[in-house]
Protein backbone atom coordinates (compact mmCIF):
# COMPACT_ATOMS: atom_id res chain seq x y z
CA MET A 1 -13.05 -36.64 41.17
CA ASP A 2 -14.53 -34.55 38.34
CA HIS A 3 -14.18 -35.87 34.81
CA PHE A 4 -14.07 -34.03 31.47
CA ASP A 5 -14.01 -35.57 28.04
CA LEU A 6 -11.33 -33.05 27.00
CA CYS A 7 -8.97 -30.61 28.68
CA ILE A 8 -7.24 -27.93 26.61
CA VAL A 9 -4.34 -26.13 28.29
CA GLY A 10 -3.66 -22.63 26.98
CA ALA A 11 -6.22 -19.99 25.99
CA GLY A 12 -4.29 -18.14 23.35
CA VAL A 13 -5.82 -17.90 19.89
CA ILE A 14 -4.78 -21.49 19.12
CA GLY A 15 -6.30 -23.04 22.25
CA ILE A 16 -9.49 -21.02 21.85
CA ALA A 17 -9.80 -21.91 18.15
CA ILE A 18 -9.35 -25.60 18.98
CA ALA A 19 -11.99 -25.38 21.73
CA GLU A 20 -14.46 -23.67 19.40
CA ALA A 21 -13.88 -26.12 16.55
CA ILE A 22 -14.25 -29.23 18.73
CA ALA A 23 -17.26 -27.91 20.65
CA ARG A 24 -18.98 -27.15 17.36
CA THR A 25 -18.53 -30.72 16.10
CA LYS A 26 -19.24 -32.66 19.30
CA PRO A 27 -22.62 -33.36 20.97
CA PRO A 28 -23.66 -31.15 23.92
CA SER A 29 -22.86 -33.98 26.32
CA TYR A 30 -19.16 -33.83 25.37
CA SER A 31 -17.50 -31.86 28.18
CA ILE A 32 -14.56 -29.53 27.48
CA VAL A 33 -12.54 -27.45 29.95
CA LEU A 34 -10.17 -24.75 28.70
CA LEU A 35 -7.47 -23.77 31.21
CA GLU A 36 -5.41 -20.57 31.23
CA GLN A 37 -2.74 -19.65 33.77
CA ASN A 38 -3.11 -15.89 33.22
CA SER A 39 -5.98 -13.69 34.37
CA SER A 40 -7.64 -13.72 30.95
CA PHE A 41 -7.26 -15.16 27.47
CA GLY A 42 -4.62 -14.30 24.87
CA GLN A 43 -2.21 -12.35 27.07
CA GLU A 44 1.03 -13.69 25.62
CA THR A 45 2.02 -14.41 22.00
CA SER A 46 -1.53 -14.02 20.70
CA SER A 47 -1.74 -10.36 21.71
CA ARG A 48 1.87 -9.36 20.97
CA ASN A 49 2.25 -9.73 17.24
CA SER A 50 1.67 -7.79 14.01
CA GLU A 51 -2.01 -8.86 13.72
CA VAL A 52 -1.40 -9.68 10.08
CA ILE A 53 -3.48 -12.14 8.04
CA HIS A 54 -0.77 -13.75 5.93
CA ALA A 55 -1.27 -15.13 2.43
CA GLY A 56 1.29 -17.96 2.80
CA LEU A 57 4.15 -16.79 0.59
CA TYR A 58 7.24 -17.64 2.57
CA TYR A 59 6.92 -21.17 3.84
CA GLN A 60 8.50 -24.41 2.67
CA GLN A 61 6.38 -26.24 0.11
CA GLY A 62 4.44 -29.08 1.73
CA SER A 63 4.95 -27.75 5.26
CA LEU A 64 2.20 -27.37 7.84
CA LYS A 65 2.90 -23.64 7.89
CA ALA A 66 2.26 -23.38 4.15
CA ARG A 67 -0.90 -25.49 4.13
CA LEU A 68 -2.48 -24.23 7.35
CA CYS A 69 -1.68 -20.59 6.59
CA ARG A 70 -3.34 -20.80 3.19
CA GLU A 71 -6.39 -22.65 4.53
CA GLY A 72 -6.53 -20.53 7.67
CA SER A 73 -6.43 -17.25 5.77
CA ALA A 74 -9.58 -18.10 3.83
CA MET A 75 -11.31 -19.38 6.98
CA LEU A 76 -10.31 -16.28 8.93
CA TYR A 77 -11.65 -13.82 6.36
CA ASP A 78 -14.93 -15.80 6.23
CA TYR A 79 -15.21 -15.85 10.03
CA CYS A 80 -14.50 -12.12 10.34
CA ARG A 81 -17.17 -11.31 7.79
CA LYS A 82 -19.72 -13.62 9.42
CA TYR A 83 -19.18 -12.37 12.97
CA GLU A 84 -18.32 -8.76 12.10
CA ILE A 85 -14.77 -8.84 13.47
CA ALA A 86 -12.81 -5.72 12.55
CA HIS A 87 -10.36 -6.53 9.75
CA ARG A 88 -9.12 -5.06 6.50
CA ARG A 89 -7.62 -6.68 3.40
CA VAL A 90 -5.06 -3.91 2.93
CA GLY A 91 -2.56 -5.77 0.75
CA LYS A 92 1.19 -6.00 1.15
CA PHE A 93 4.22 -4.93 -0.87
CA ILE A 94 7.36 -7.03 -0.44
CA VAL A 95 10.07 -4.68 -1.62
CA ALA A 96 13.52 -5.52 -2.98
CA GLN A 97 16.59 -3.44 -3.67
CA GLU A 98 18.72 -3.95 -6.79
CA ASN A 99 20.86 -6.67 -5.22
CA GLU A 100 17.75 -8.55 -3.99
CA LEU A 101 15.87 -9.00 -7.26
CA GLU A 102 16.94 -12.59 -7.72
CA ALA A 103 15.77 -13.41 -4.18
CA LEU A 104 12.47 -11.65 -4.87
CA GLN A 105 11.95 -13.81 -7.94
CA ALA A 106 12.71 -16.92 -5.89
CA LEU A 107 10.10 -15.81 -3.34
CA ALA A 108 7.54 -15.43 -6.14
CA GLU A 109 8.29 -18.98 -7.27
CA ARG A 110 7.94 -20.32 -3.72
CA ALA A 111 4.57 -18.59 -3.43
CA ARG A 112 3.41 -20.29 -6.64
CA ASP A 113 4.64 -23.63 -5.27
CA ASN A 114 2.38 -22.97 -2.27
CA ASP A 115 -0.60 -22.25 -4.57
CA VAL A 116 -0.52 -18.56 -3.69
CA LEU A 117 -1.34 -17.37 -7.19
CA GLU A 118 -2.59 -13.85 -6.49
CA LEU A 119 0.81 -12.20 -6.43
CA HIS A 120 1.83 -9.41 -8.78
CA TRP A 121 5.25 -8.09 -9.82
CA ARG A 122 5.66 -4.31 -9.69
CA ASP A 123 8.60 -2.33 -11.01
CA ARG A 124 9.88 0.79 -9.26
CA LYS A 125 7.48 3.16 -11.05
CA ALA A 126 4.42 0.99 -10.45
CA LEU A 127 5.37 0.65 -6.77
CA GLN A 128 5.80 4.39 -6.30
CA ASP A 129 2.50 5.07 -8.04
CA LYS A 130 0.91 3.31 -5.06
CA GLU A 131 3.48 4.11 -2.35
CA PRO A 132 5.42 7.25 -3.36
CA LEU A 133 7.51 7.32 -0.16
CA VAL A 134 8.79 3.75 -0.59
CA GLU A 135 12.17 3.31 -2.27
CA ALA A 136 12.88 -0.04 -3.96
CA SER A 137 13.86 -1.45 -7.33
CA ALA A 138 10.88 -3.81 -7.52
CA ALA A 139 8.17 -5.36 -5.39
CA LEU A 140 5.70 -8.19 -5.16
CA PHE A 141 2.14 -7.19 -4.30
CA SER A 142 0.01 -9.58 -2.25
CA PRO A 143 -3.61 -8.38 -2.37
CA ASN A 144 -4.85 -11.05 0.06
CA THR A 145 -2.68 -9.97 2.99
CA GLY A 146 -4.65 -8.14 5.66
CA ILE A 147 -4.91 -7.09 9.29
CA VAL A 148 -7.31 -8.17 12.04
CA ASP A 149 -8.32 -7.17 15.55
CA SER A 150 -6.85 -10.24 17.28
CA HIS A 151 -8.48 -9.48 20.65
CA ALA A 152 -11.94 -9.22 19.10
CA LEU A 153 -11.28 -12.43 17.18
CA MET A 154 -10.34 -14.32 20.35
CA GLN A 155 -13.27 -12.85 22.28
CA SER A 156 -15.66 -13.99 19.56
CA LEU A 157 -14.20 -17.49 19.31
CA LEU A 158 -14.31 -17.87 23.10
CA SER A 159 -17.92 -16.70 23.22
CA GLN A 160 -18.84 -19.21 20.53
CA ALA A 161 -17.02 -21.96 22.42
CA GLN A 162 -18.70 -21.11 25.73
CA THR A 163 -22.10 -21.00 24.07
CA ALA A 164 -21.38 -24.53 22.83
CA GLY A 165 -20.62 -25.64 26.39
CA VAL A 166 -16.88 -25.08 26.88
CA GLU A 167 -15.94 -24.23 30.47
CA PHE A 168 -13.22 -21.55 30.55
CA VAL A 169 -11.12 -21.39 33.73
CA CYS A 170 -8.37 -18.78 34.08
CA ARG A 171 -5.71 -18.23 36.76
CA THR A 172 -5.13 -21.98 36.73
CA ARG A 173 -1.75 -23.61 36.24
CA VAL A 174 -1.28 -27.30 35.46
CA GLU A 175 1.29 -28.62 37.93
CA ARG A 176 1.38 -32.26 36.89
CA VAL A 177 -0.34 -34.74 34.59
CA LEU A 178 -0.47 -38.47 35.28
CA CYS A 179 -1.11 -40.71 32.28
CA GLY A 180 -3.49 -43.60 32.98
CA ALA A 181 -4.65 -46.44 30.77
CA LYS A 182 -7.73 -44.59 29.53
CA SER A 183 -7.52 -41.12 31.05
CA PHE A 184 -5.31 -38.40 32.48
CA GLU A 185 -5.22 -37.18 36.05
CA VAL A 186 -4.60 -33.43 35.92
CA HIS A 187 -3.25 -31.64 39.00
CA THR A 188 -3.77 -27.87 39.00
CA VAL A 189 -3.35 -24.86 41.26
CA SER A 190 -5.86 -22.02 40.88
CA GLY A 191 -5.96 -18.46 42.14
CA GLU A 192 -3.24 -15.92 42.88
CA HIS A 193 -1.43 -14.16 45.69
CA GLY A 194 -2.20 -16.13 48.92
CA GLN A 195 -5.55 -17.46 47.66
CA LYS A 196 -4.28 -20.50 45.76
CA GLU A 197 -6.21 -23.75 45.79
CA ALA A 198 -5.25 -27.21 44.51
CA TYR A 199 -7.69 -29.06 42.27
CA ARG A 200 -7.51 -32.44 40.52
CA PHE A 201 -9.67 -33.92 37.79
CA HIS A 202 -9.68 -36.64 35.16
CA CYS A 203 -10.00 -36.17 31.40
CA SER A 204 -10.13 -38.62 28.51
CA ALA A 205 -8.12 -36.42 26.15
CA LEU A 206 -5.60 -33.65 26.75
CA ILE A 207 -4.38 -30.93 24.37
CA ASN A 208 -1.21 -29.03 25.17
CA ALA A 209 -1.68 -25.64 23.48
CA ALA A 210 0.35 -23.74 26.07
CA GLY A 211 2.42 -21.74 23.58
CA LEU A 212 5.55 -20.40 25.25
CA ASN A 213 4.94 -22.87 28.08
CA ALA A 214 4.23 -25.93 25.93
CA GLN A 215 7.64 -27.51 26.55
CA SER A 216 7.43 -26.83 30.27
CA LEU A 217 3.98 -28.40 30.46
CA ALA A 218 5.13 -31.42 28.43
CA SER A 219 7.96 -31.98 30.90
CA ARG A 220 5.35 -32.29 33.69
CA ILE A 221 3.41 -35.07 31.95
CA ASP A 222 4.41 -38.29 33.68
CA GLY A 223 4.67 -41.07 31.14
CA LEU A 224 5.71 -38.88 28.21
CA ASP A 225 9.17 -39.63 26.84
CA SER A 226 11.20 -36.39 26.99
CA ALA A 227 12.71 -37.27 23.61
CA HIS A 228 9.44 -36.05 22.09
CA ILE A 229 9.78 -32.54 23.57
CA PRO A 230 11.50 -30.33 20.98
CA THR A 231 13.97 -27.69 22.13
CA GLN A 232 12.51 -24.18 22.30
CA LEU A 233 14.50 -21.07 21.40
CA LEU A 234 12.90 -17.94 22.84
CA THR A 235 13.07 -15.02 20.42
CA LYS A 236 11.84 -11.55 21.29
CA GLY A 237 10.52 -9.18 18.68
CA ASN A 238 10.54 -5.45 19.50
CA TYR A 239 8.16 -2.98 17.86
CA PHE A 240 8.52 0.78 17.47
CA LYS A 241 5.60 3.01 16.52
CA LEU A 242 5.62 6.06 14.29
CA ASN A 243 4.02 9.16 15.75
CA GLY A 244 1.83 10.95 13.27
CA ARG A 245 -0.15 9.90 10.25
CA ALA A 246 0.74 6.62 8.55
CA PRO A 247 2.87 7.33 5.45
CA PHE A 248 1.69 4.16 3.68
CA GLN A 249 -1.58 2.69 2.41
CA HIS A 250 -0.35 -0.90 2.45
CA LEU A 251 1.85 -3.13 4.57
CA ILE A 252 5.50 -2.77 3.53
CA TYR A 253 7.82 -5.75 4.01
CA PRO A 254 11.51 -5.84 3.12
CA MET A 255 13.09 -8.99 1.75
CA PRO A 256 13.86 -11.41 4.61
CA ALA A 257 17.56 -11.46 5.42
CA ALA A 258 19.35 -14.64 4.40
CA GLN A 259 19.86 -17.30 7.11
CA THR A 260 17.30 -15.77 9.47
CA SER A 261 13.88 -16.99 10.55
CA GLY A 262 12.17 -13.60 10.59
CA LEU A 263 10.44 -11.61 7.85
CA GLY A 264 12.38 -8.40 8.46
CA ILE A 265 11.45 -5.15 10.18
CA HIS A 266 8.28 -4.33 8.30
CA ALA A 267 5.77 -1.49 8.34
CA CYS A 268 2.46 -2.70 9.68
CA LEU A 269 -0.71 -0.64 9.62
CA ASP A 270 -3.24 -0.96 12.40
CA LEU A 271 -7.01 -0.64 12.16
CA GLY A 272 -6.83 2.81 13.75
CA GLY A 273 -4.69 4.20 10.93
CA GLY A 274 -1.36 4.13 12.74
CA VAL A 275 1.81 2.34 11.73
CA ARG A 276 4.38 0.40 13.72
CA PHE A 277 7.65 -1.17 12.63
CA GLY A 278 8.93 -4.58 13.62
CA PRO A 279 9.53 -7.12 14.80
CA ASP A 280 13.27 -7.57 14.94
CA ILE A 281 14.95 -10.75 16.18
CA GLU A 282 16.46 -10.81 19.65
CA ALA A 283 17.51 -14.08 21.30
CA ILE A 284 16.59 -14.14 24.99
CA ASP A 285 16.98 -16.59 27.88
CA ALA A 286 13.72 -15.82 29.67
CA VAL A 287 10.41 -14.23 28.69
CA ASN A 288 10.32 -10.46 29.08
CA TYR A 289 8.30 -7.84 27.26
CA LYS A 290 10.37 -4.73 27.80
CA VAL A 291 11.25 -2.97 24.55
CA ASP A 292 14.99 -2.46 24.28
CA VAL A 293 15.27 1.24 23.38
CA GLN A 294 18.92 0.72 22.46
CA ARG A 295 17.74 -1.10 19.35
CA LYS A 296 16.24 2.07 17.87
CA ALA A 297 19.35 2.79 15.78
CA GLN A 298 19.08 -0.65 14.17
CA PHE A 299 15.43 0.01 13.40
CA VAL A 300 16.19 3.37 11.81
CA GLU A 301 18.86 1.82 9.60
CA ALA A 302 16.60 -1.04 8.50
CA ILE A 303 13.55 1.15 7.85
CA ARG A 304 15.48 3.76 5.89
CA ARG A 305 16.46 1.12 3.33
CA TYR A 306 12.89 1.29 1.99
CA TYR A 307 11.59 4.47 3.67
CA PRO A 308 14.50 6.92 3.38
CA SER A 309 12.51 9.95 4.54
CA LEU A 310 11.90 8.48 8.00
CA ASN A 311 12.29 11.05 10.76
CA PRO A 312 13.89 9.15 13.69
CA ALA A 313 12.41 11.63 16.16
CA GLN A 314 8.96 10.25 15.31
CA LEU A 315 9.95 6.68 16.18
CA GLU A 316 9.36 5.52 19.76
CA PRO A 317 9.12 2.18 21.61
CA ASP A 318 5.76 0.44 21.38
CA TYR A 319 5.62 -3.17 22.63
CA ALA A 320 7.39 -6.51 22.34
CA GLY A 321 6.36 -10.12 21.81
CA VAL A 322 8.12 -13.45 22.27
CA ARG A 323 8.02 -16.18 19.64
CA PRO A 324 8.00 -19.85 20.71
CA LYS A 325 10.53 -20.89 18.06
CA LEU A 326 11.87 -24.41 17.78
CA HIS A 327 15.59 -25.07 17.67
CA SER A 328 17.05 -26.19 14.35
CA PRO A 329 20.61 -27.56 14.38
CA LYS A 330 21.22 -25.91 11.00
CA GLY A 331 19.63 -22.62 11.98
CA GLN A 332 16.82 -23.02 9.45
CA PRO A 333 13.17 -22.11 10.12
CA MET A 334 11.24 -25.07 11.54
CA ASP A 335 7.69 -26.12 10.88
CA PHE A 336 4.75 -26.24 13.25
CA VAL A 337 4.68 -29.43 15.31
CA LEU A 338 1.24 -31.02 15.83
CA GLN A 339 2.14 -34.12 17.82
CA THR A 340 -0.21 -37.06 18.39
CA ALA A 341 0.03 -40.59 19.77
CA ASP A 342 1.49 -41.75 16.43
CA VAL A 343 4.65 -39.96 17.58
CA HIS A 344 4.74 -40.10 21.39
CA ALA A 345 2.58 -43.21 21.99
CA VAL A 346 0.40 -41.57 24.66
CA PRO A 347 -3.24 -42.17 23.64
CA GLY A 348 -5.45 -39.10 23.87
CA LEU A 349 -2.60 -36.59 24.08
CA VAL A 350 -2.15 -33.89 21.42
CA GLN A 351 0.72 -31.41 21.69
CA LEU A 352 1.43 -28.25 19.72
CA PHE A 353 4.94 -26.83 19.62
CA GLY A 354 6.50 -23.90 17.78
CA ILE A 355 3.24 -22.18 16.87
CA GLU A 356 4.74 -18.83 15.93
CA SER A 357 3.90 -16.80 12.81
CA PRO A 358 1.70 -17.55 10.87
CA GLY A 359 -0.07 -19.01 13.89
CA LEU A 360 -2.73 -16.28 14.11
CA THR A 361 -3.58 -16.70 10.42
CA ALA A 362 -3.57 -20.50 10.69
CA SER A 363 -5.53 -20.67 13.96
CA LEU A 364 -8.90 -21.71 12.55
CA ALA A 365 -7.29 -24.28 10.26
CA ILE A 366 -5.32 -25.67 13.21
CA GLY A 367 -8.55 -25.90 15.21
CA LYS A 368 -10.24 -27.73 12.34
CA THR A 369 -7.29 -30.15 12.00
CA ILE A 370 -7.28 -31.05 15.69
CA ALA A 371 -11.07 -31.42 15.73
CA GLN A 372 -10.85 -33.86 12.81
CA HIS A 373 -8.16 -35.82 14.65
CA LEU A 374 -10.40 -36.22 17.70
CA ALA A 375 -13.53 -37.01 15.67
């Protein structure tokens, strides 16, 4: 039976970043296989988001999200410059209406607690000097927020990983994992349509970076206590695009609504000069990517709070993504979960759960963290 030193399951941006980081730090003899059940890399959460490089304003002080977002942002800008990945540090305005000023001030304090110091208060006049079509009483300006071509980023990271010896295998689903004393026996099925083939191999270490399927994969690992599999709450985010020229020069974010885990229906520029609005928050029972056109009225109402001159006729469905959120009994946002043997007592197994936003921004920092753990 074939043997690999490491198997990584899931070739979204997180799995690819982990593969690249580990391959870069290990000797050429260290064998890594990266498995993906879809026909190519990054076809789920990694390619269905806002493509924003976040600065790290919103997250709980001391959380993995706060630390890895801040570290990952700097690493991502450096990587994009080095490998000429399309990106732009466009900056972001977080806008507040009169009844939200206290919450905006609290957000500024949280950002400072997270060592995000480049954040500037703007009154209504200063905001409209930069964004004349935006209506708000005040705003915070984050100059280090940007946008990135996520597909080009993943393609580059995968190319770097493969050059360093990583074997990438797509159309391969992990059916079962048996935990041995010093290795894992991984049972897979490869191919599609009537051409499927079973394949088994051993690996010394296993990383579950399966994103939306991380809990499902964990449940198929024999020897893992199910108590260590956190409950997932699937949440769809719909996006609508604006036909015509973008009315803004920066990203425009409203204040997050109280008691929600989203950042609000924001205006996000793309590298082609267009603008889309979203995502909203829609609880779902199963993954689907169809944009619910019935939600357009809610979008119009939310957008007009800060962009009152919106013409609804210019707004049309774009795409949707699904976040792998973790369930919180109190309904509060939960942190990333990077789970090692210290928690689940399975040597060589690393599991990642709940890697939603700011996962793209944090991806290189997550890769570095996992690589250091396996060093």
